[in-house]
Every structure is written in structure tokens, then in C-alpha cells.
Amino acid sequence: MKIEDIRAKTDSELEFDMTSLKKELFEARFRASMGTDSNTGRVRDLRRSVARIQTILHERSTGVRGAAAK
């Protein structure tokens, strides 16, 4: 998920995306630990996407970037 896509969404959309990404991350970590997942790089991508969303939500709540969702 690119940062421009994240900034274009509202807070409620980001909250929904974050919960679905966290669920997918849990499942990906489980599959990786069992050795059945062939795409182990997906865990890294999911972690980074969750971090990006959390960063944008934090910036909006503290007013660092100033602007809310468009």
C-alpha cells in the first residue's frame, strides 16, 4: 500500500484497513511458522503497511501534518 493511497483515505477507512491487514498478518505469520507459506516476504510487506497506517493516523491525531483526509 502506497503512502499516497493511505493519505487519500479517511480515518475510518484506515481503521478498517488496519484491522484487516493485522488479521492477514496474523495468518501469514502462522503459515510461515508452519512452513506452508511460499511467500515469506508478505509478512514484511504487511508489517510495513500497518506501520504506515499507524503513522498517518498518529500524524492526523497530533496535527503534525495538519491536514485531514481529502
PDB file of N, CA and C in Angstrom:
ATOM      1  N   MET A   1       0.847  -1.167   0.000  1.00  0.00           N
ATOM      2  CA  MET A   1       0.000   0.000   0.000  1.00  0.00           C
ATOM      3  C   MET A   1       0.898   1.237   0.000  1.00  0.00           C
ATOM      4  N   LYS A   2       0.671   2.127  -0.936  1.00  0.00           N
ATOM      5  CA  LYS A   2       1.495   3.310  -1.062  1.00  0.00           C
ATOM      6  C   LYS A   2       0.987   4.421  -0.152  1.00  0.00           C
ATOM      7  N   ILE A   3       1.907   5.308   0.211  1.00  0.00           N
ATOM      8  CA  ILE A   3       1.590   6.360   1.164  1.00  0.00           C
ATOM      9  C   ILE A   3       0.554   7.330   0.589  1.00  0.00           C
ATOM     10  N   GLU A   4       0.562   7.553  -0.722  1.00  0.00           N
ATOM     11  CA  GLU A   4      -0.431   8.448  -1.327  1.00  0.00           C
ATOM     12  C   GLU A   4      -1.833   7.864  -1.192  1.00  0.00           C
ATOM     13  N   ASP A   5      -1.934   6.545  -1.347  1.00  0.00           N
ATOM     14  CA  ASP A   5      -3.233   5.881  -1.184  1.00  0.00           C
ATOM     15  C   ASP A   5      -3.726   5.990   0.257  1.00  0.00           C
ATOM     16  N   ILE A   6      -2.818   5.875   1.183  1.00  0.00           N
ATOM     17  CA  ILE A   6      -3.177   5.948   2.602  1.00  0.00           C
ATOM     18  C   ILE A   6      -3.637   7.357   2.958  1.00  0.00           C
ATOM     19  N   ARG A   7      -2.908   8.366   2.490  1.00  0.00           N
ATOM     20  CA  ARG A   7      -3.265   9.753   2.804  1.00  0.00           C
ATOM     21  C   ARG A   7      -4.611  10.153   2.208  1.00  0.00           C
ATOM     22  N   ALA A   8      -5.016   9.500   1.128  1.00  0.00           N
ATOM     23  CA  ALA A   8      -6.266   9.844   0.463  1.00  0.00           C
ATOM     24  C   ALA A   8      -7.491   9.292   1.194  1.00  0.00           C
ATOM     25  N   LYS A   9      -7.288   8.364   2.114  1.00  0.00           N
ATOM     26  CA  LYS A   9      -8.412   7.728   2.814  1.00  0.00           C
ATOM     27  C   LYS A   9      -8.759   8.473   4.094  1.00  0.00           C
ATOM     28  N   THR A  10      -9.994   8.253   4.545  1.00  0.00           N
ATOM     29  CA  THR A  10     -10.434   8.847   5.807  1.00  0.00           C
ATOM     30  C   THR A  10      -9.950   7.981   6.969  1.00  0.00           C
ATOM     31  N   ASP A  11     -10.104   8.506   8.177  1.00  0.00           N
ATOM     32  CA  ASP A  11      -9.659   7.778   9.363  1.00  0.00           C
ATOM     33  C   ASP A  11     -10.416   6.461   9.532  1.00  0.00           C
ATOM     34  N   SER A  12     -11.710   6.482   9.289  1.00  0.00           N
ATOM     35  CA  SER A  12     -12.486   5.253   9.466  1.00  0.00           C
ATOM     36  C   SER A  12     -12.080   4.192   8.438  1.00  0.00           C
ATOM     37  N   GLU A  13     -11.788   4.620   7.214  1.00  0.00           N
ATOM     38  CA  GLU A  13     -11.311   3.670   6.207  1.00  0.00           C
ATOM     39  C   GLU A  13      -9.959   3.087   6.602  1.00  0.00           C
ATOM     40  N   LEU A  14      -9.106   3.927   7.168  1.00  0.00           N
ATOM     41  CA  LEU A  14      -7.791   3.453   7.603  1.00  0.00           C
ATOM     42  C   LEU A  14      -7.908   2.475   8.763  1.00  0.00           C
ATOM     43  N   GLU A  15      -8.817   2.747   9.684  1.00  0.00           N
ATOM     44  CA  GLU A  15      -9.033   1.827  10.808  1.00  0.00           C
ATOM     45  C   GLU A  15      -9.483   0.462  10.291  1.00  0.00           C
ATOM     46  N   PHE A  16     -10.414   0.472   9.327  1.00  0.00           N
ATOM     47  CA  PHE A  16     -10.888  -0.780   8.743  1.00  0.00           C
ATOM     48  C   PHE A  16      -9.759  -1.517   8.029  1.00  0.00           C
ATOM     49  N   ASP A  17      -8.965  -0.786   7.242  1.00  0.00           N
ATOM     50  CA  ASP A  17      -7.840  -1.405   6.534  1.00  0.00           C
ATOM     51  C   ASP A  17      -6.824  -1.981   7.514  1.00  0.00           C
ATOM     52  N   MET A  18      -6.588  -1.262   8.607  1.00  0.00           N
ATOM     53  CA  MET A  18      -5.595  -1.732   9.569  1.00  0.00           C
ATOM     54  C   MET A  18      -6.045  -3.024  10.240  1.00  0.00           C
ATOM     55  N   THR A  19      -7.317  -3.131  10.578  1.00  0.00           N
ATOM     56  CA  THR A  19      -7.779  -4.366  11.209  1.00  0.00           C
ATOM     57  C   THR A  19      -7.700  -5.544  10.239  1.00  0.00           C
ATOM     58  N   SER A  20      -8.026  -5.307   8.972  1.00  0.00           N
ATOM     59  CA  SER A  20      -7.935  -6.405   8.005  1.00  0.00           C
ATOM     60  C   SER A  20      -6.483  -6.777   7.732  1.00  0.00           C
ATOM     61  N   LEU A  21      -5.584  -5.791   7.698  1.00  0.00           N
ATOM     62  CA  LEU A  21      -4.167  -6.093   7.496  1.00  0.00           C
ATOM     63  C   LEU A  21      -3.577  -6.842   8.687  1.00  0.00           C
ATOM     64  N   LYS A  22      -3.997  -6.472   9.897  1.00  0.00           N
ATOM     65  CA  LYS A  22      -3.497  -7.181  11.080  1.00  0.00           C
ATOM     66  C   LYS A  22      -3.964  -8.629  11.097  1.00  0.00           C
ATOM     67  N   LYS A  23      -5.191  -8.851  10.660  1.00  0.00           N
ATOM     68  CA  LYS A  23      -5.694 -10.220  10.578  1.00  0.00           C
ATOM     69  C   LYS A  23      -4.904 -11.012   9.540  1.00  0.00           C
ATOM     70  N   GLU A  24      -4.677 -10.396   8.394  1.00  0.00           N
ATOM     71  CA  GLU A  24      -3.902 -11.058   7.336  1.00  0.00           C
ATOM     72  C   GLU A  24      -2.466 -11.311   7.789  1.00  0.00           C
ATOM     73  N   LEU A  25      -1.894 -10.377   8.546  1.00  0.00           N
ATOM     74  CA  LEU A  25      -0.546 -10.543   9.079  1.00  0.00           C
ATOM     75  C   LEU A  25      -0.479 -11.723  10.032  1.00  0.00           C
ATOM     76  N   PHE A  26      -1.477 -11.844  10.895  1.00  0.00           N
ATOM     77  CA  PHE A  26      -1.517 -12.980  11.819  1.00  0.00           C
ATOM     78  C   PHE A  26      -1.535 -14.295  11.051  1.00  0.00           C
ATOM     79  N   GLU A  27      -2.386 -14.364  10.028  1.00  0.00           N
ATOM     80  CA  GLU A  27      -2.489 -15.592   9.238  1.00  0.00           C
ATOM     81  C   GLU A  27      -1.198 -15.881   8.474  1.00  0.00           C
ATOM     82  N   ALA A  28      -0.554 -14.831   7.958  1.00  0.00           N
ATOM     83  CA  ALA A  28       0.699 -15.009   7.223  1.00  0.00           C
ATOM     84  C   ALA A  28       1.813 -15.491   8.151  1.00  0.00           C
ATOM     85  N   ARG A  29       1.865 -14.933   9.373  1.00  0.00           N
ATOM     86  CA  ARG A  29       2.874 -15.392  10.331  1.00  0.00           C
ATOM     87  C   ARG A  29       2.630 -16.839  10.722  1.00  0.00           C
ATOM     88  N   PHE A  30       1.369 -17.205  10.872  1.00  0.00           N
ATOM     89  CA  PHE A  30       1.027 -18.583  11.221  1.00  0.00           C
ATOM     90  C   PHE A  30       1.446 -19.535  10.109  1.00  0.00           C
ATOM     91  N   ARG A  31       1.124 -19.183   8.858  1.00  0.00           N
ATOM     92  CA  ARG A  31       1.507 -20.032   7.731  1.00  0.00           C
ATOM     93  C   ARG A  31       3.029 -20.122   7.602  1.00  0.00           C
ATOM     94  N   ALA A  32       3.728 -19.026   7.852  1.00  0.00           N
ATOM     95  CA  ALA A  32       5.186 -19.026   7.759  1.00  0.00           C
ATOM     96  C   ALA A  32       5.799 -19.914   8.844  1.00  0.00           C
ATOM     97  N   SER A  33       5.209 -19.888  10.033  1.00  0.00           N
ATOM     98  CA  SER A  33       5.754 -20.713  11.114  1.00  0.00           C
ATOM     99  C   SER A  33       5.503 -22.194  10.874  1.00  0.00           C
ATOM    100  N   MET A  34       4.415 -22.498  10.175  1.00  0.00           N
ATOM    101  CA  MET A  34       4.114 -23.894   9.854  1.00  0.00           C
ATOM    102  C   MET A  34       4.905 -24.368   8.639  1.00  0.00           C
ATOM    103  N   GLY A  35       5.466 -23.432   7.903  1.00  0.00           N
ATOM    104  CA  GLY A  35       6.255 -23.794   6.741  1.00  0.00           C
ATOM    105  C   GLY A  35       5.435 -24.051   5.497  1.00  0.00           C
ATOM    106  N   THR A  36       4.177 -23.647   5.494  1.00  0.00           N
ATOM    107  CA  THR A  36       3.328 -23.884   4.328  1.00  0.00           C
ATOM    108  C   THR A  36       3.235 -22.676   3.410  1.00  0.00           C
ATOM    109  N   ASP A  37       3.791 -21.550   3.815  1.00  0.00           N
ATOM    110  CA  ASP A  37       3.691 -20.332   3.012  1.00  0.00           C
ATOM    111  C   ASP A  37       4.908 -20.210   2.112  1.00  0.00           C
ATOM    112  N   SER A  38       4.674 -20.017   0.837  1.00  0.00           N
ATOM    113  CA  SER A  38       5.776 -19.865  -0.102  1.00  0.00           C
ATOM    114  C   SER A  38       6.201 -18.406  -0.241  1.00  0.00           C
ATOM    115  N   ASN A  39       5.351 -17.481   0.182  1.00  0.00           N
ATOM    116  CA  ASN A  39       5.641 -16.061   0.059  1.00  0.00           C
ATOM    117  C   ASN A  39       5.946 -15.479   1.434  1.00  0.00           C
ATOM    118  N   THR A  40       7.156 -15.683   1.905  1.00  0.00           N
ATOM    119  CA  THR A  40       7.509 -15.216   3.245  1.00  0.00           C
ATOM    120  C   THR A  40       7.742 -13.709   3.286  1.00  0.00           C
ATOM    121  N   GLY A  41       7.976 -13.076   2.157  1.00  0.00           N
ATOM    122  CA  GLY A  41       8.157 -11.627   2.116  1.00  0.00           C
ATOM    123  C   GLY A  41       6.880 -10.870   2.366  1.00  0.00           C
ATOM    124  N   ARG A  42       5.756 -11.551   2.285  1.00  0.00           N
ATOM    125  CA  ARG A  42       4.462 -10.911   2.519  1.00  0.00           C
ATOM    126  C   ARG A  42       4.339 -10.418   3.956  1.00  0.00           C
ATOM    127  N   VAL A  43       4.946 -11.121   4.897  1.00  0.00           N
ATOM    128  CA  VAL A  43       4.905 -10.712   6.306  1.00  0.00           C
ATOM    129  C   VAL A  43       5.541  -9.335   6.444  1.00  0.00           C
ATOM    130  N   ARG A  44       6.665  -9.140   5.804  1.00  0.00           N
ATOM    131  CA  ARG A  44       7.364  -7.857   5.868  1.00  0.00           C
ATOM    132  C   ARG A  44       6.511  -6.745   5.254  1.00  0.00           C
ATOM    133  N   ASP A  45       5.914  -7.007   4.107  1.00  0.00           N
ATOM    134  CA  ASP A  45       5.063  -6.007   3.459  1.00  0.00           C
ATOM    135  C   ASP A  45       3.867  -5.637   4.328  1.00  0.00           C
ATOM    136  N   LEU A  46       3.252  -6.632   4.944  1.00  0.00           N
ATOM    137  CA  LEU A  46       2.095  -6.371   5.807  1.00  0.00           C
ATOM    138  C   LEU A  46       2.490  -5.547   7.028  1.00  0.00           C
ATOM    139  N   ARG A  47       3.614  -5.878   7.644  1.00  0.00           N
ATOM    140  CA  ARG A  47       4.079  -5.117   8.804  1.00  0.00           C
ATOM    141  C   ARG A  47       4.314  -3.661   8.444  1.00  0.00           C
ATOM    142  N   ARG A  48       4.909  -3.437   7.298  1.00  0.00           N
ATOM    143  CA  ARG A  48       5.186  -2.067   6.871  1.00  0.00           C
ATOM    144  C   ARG A  48       3.905  -1.306   6.544  1.00  0.00           C
ATOM    145  N   SER A  49       2.948  -1.976   5.957  1.00  0.00           N
ATOM    146  CA  SER A  49       1.671  -1.316   5.648  1.00  0.00           C
ATOM    147  C   SER A  49       0.952  -0.910   6.925  1.00  0.00           C
ATOM    148  N   VAL A  50       0.945  -1.790   7.907  1.00  0.00           N
ATOM    149  CA  VAL A  50       0.324  -1.463   9.202  1.00  0.00           C
ATOM    150  C   VAL A  50       1.043  -0.274   9.835  1.00  0.00           C
ATOM    151  N   ALA A  51       2.361  -0.258   9.774  1.00  0.00           N
ATOM    152  CA  ALA A  51       3.129   0.851  10.353  1.00  0.00           C
ATOM    153  C   ALA A  51       2.837   2.162   9.639  1.00  0.00           C
ATOM    154  N   ARG A  52       2.698   2.116   8.325  1.00  0.00           N
ATOM    155  CA  ARG A  52       2.381   3.328   7.571  1.00  0.00           C
ATOM    156  C   ARG A  52       1.021   3.891   7.986  1.00  0.00           C
ATOM    157  N   ILE A  53       0.040   3.007   8.120  1.00  0.00           N
ATOM    158  CA  ILE A  53      -1.298   3.451   8.516  1.00  0.00           C
ATOM    159  C   ILE A  53      -1.265   4.040   9.917  1.00  0.00           C
ATOM    160  N   GLN A  54      -0.562   3.393  10.834  1.00  0.00           N
ATOM    161  CA  GLN A  54      -0.472   3.900  12.197  1.00  0.00           C
ATOM    162  C   GLN A  54       0.222   5.260  12.227  1.00  0.00           C
ATOM    163  N   THR A  55       1.222   5.442  11.386  1.00  0.00           N
ATOM    164  CA  THR A  55       1.932   6.716  11.324  1.00  0.00           C
ATOM    165  C   THR A  55       1.009   7.830  10.849  1.00  0.00           C
ATOM    166  N   ILE A  56       0.251   7.577   9.797  1.00  0.00           N
ATOM    167  CA  ILE A  56      -0.660   8.594   9.269  1.00  0.00           C
ATOM    168  C   ILE A  56      -1.738   8.936  10.297  1.00  0.00           C
ATOM    169  N   LEU A  57      -2.297   7.912  10.956  1.00  0.00           N
ATOM    170  CA  LEU A  57      -3.316   8.173  11.982  1.00  0.00           C
ATOM    171  C   LEU A  57      -2.731   8.994  13.126  1.00  0.00           C
ATOM    172  N   HIS A  58      -1.501   8.714  13.512  1.00  0.00           N
ATOM    173  CA  HIS A  58      -0.866   9.460  14.586  1.00  0.00           C
ATOM    174  C   HIS A  58      -0.582  10.900  14.153  1.00  0.00           C
ATOM    175  N   GLU A  59      -0.133  11.077  12.922  1.00  0.00           N
ATOM    176  CA  GLU A  59       0.104  12.435  12.418  1.00  0.00           C
ATOM    177  C   GLU A  59      -1.179  13.252  12.425  1.00  0.00           C
ATOM    178  N   ARG A  60      -2.260  12.623  12.020  1.00  0.00           N
ATOM    179  CA  ARG A  60      -3.543  13.343  11.987  1.00  0.00           C
ATOM    180  C   ARG A  60      -4.036  13.667  13.400  1.00  0.00           C
ATOM    181  N   SER A  61      -3.842  12.749  14.326  1.00  0.00           N
ATOM    182  CA  SER A  61      -4.340  12.997  15.693  1.00  0.00           C
ATOM    183  C   SER A  61      -3.538  14.073  16.412  1.00  0.00           C
ATOM    184  N   THR A  62      -2.253  14.165  16.120  1.00  0.00           N
ATOM    185  CA  THR A  62      -1.417  15.170  16.780  1.00  0.00           C
ATOM    186  C   THR A  62      -1.314  16.456  16.006  1.00  0.00           C
ATOM    187  N   GLY A  63      -1.770  16.448  14.755  1.00  0.00           N
ATOM    188  CA  GLY A  63      -1.720  17.659  13.942  1.00  0.00           C
ATOM    189  C   GLY A  63      -0.364  17.940  13.348  1.00  0.00           C
ATOM    190  N   VAL A  64       0.474  16.942  13.242  1.00  0.00           N
ATOM    191  CA  VAL A  64       1.811  17.142  12.699  1.00  0.00           C
ATOM    192  C   VAL A  64       1.758  17.570  11.233  1.00  0.00           C
ATOM    193  N   ARG A  65       0.983  16.845  10.437  1.00  0.00           N
ATOM    194  CA  ARG A  65       0.849  17.182   9.021  1.00  0.00           C
ATOM    195  C   ARG A  65      -0.235  18.222   8.799  1.00  0.00           C
ATOM    196  N   GLY A  66      -1.093  18.357   9.748  1.00  0.00           N
ATOM    197  CA  GLY A  66      -2.099  19.408   9.683  1.00  0.00           C
ATOM    198  C   GLY A  66      -3.373  19.052   8.970  1.00  0.00           C
ATOM    199  N   ALA A  67      -3.284  18.450   7.804  1.00  0.00           N
ATOM    200  CA  ALA A  67      -4.496  18.212   7.003  1.00  0.00           C
ATOM    201  C   ALA A  67      -5.078  16.844   7.290  1.00  0.00           C
ATOM    202  N   ALA A  68      -6.395  16.798   7.329  1.00  0.00           N
ATOM    203  CA  ALA A  68      -7.093  15.517   7.466  1.00  0.00           C
ATOM    204  C   ALA A  68      -7.252  14.899   6.092  1.00  0.00           C
ATOM    205  N   ALA A  69      -7.990  13.846   6.018  1.00  0.00           N
ATOM    206  CA  ALA A  69      -8.221  13.149   4.749  1.00  0.00           C
ATOM    207  C   ALA A  69      -8.944  14.066   3.776  1.00  0.00           C
ATOM    208  N   LYS A  70      -8.643  13.879   2.522  1.00  0.00           N
ATOM    209  CA  LYS A  70      -9.267  14.709   1.481  1.00  0.00           C
ATOM    210  C   LYS A  70     -10.631  14.229   1.139  1.00  0.00           C
TER     211      LYS A  70
END
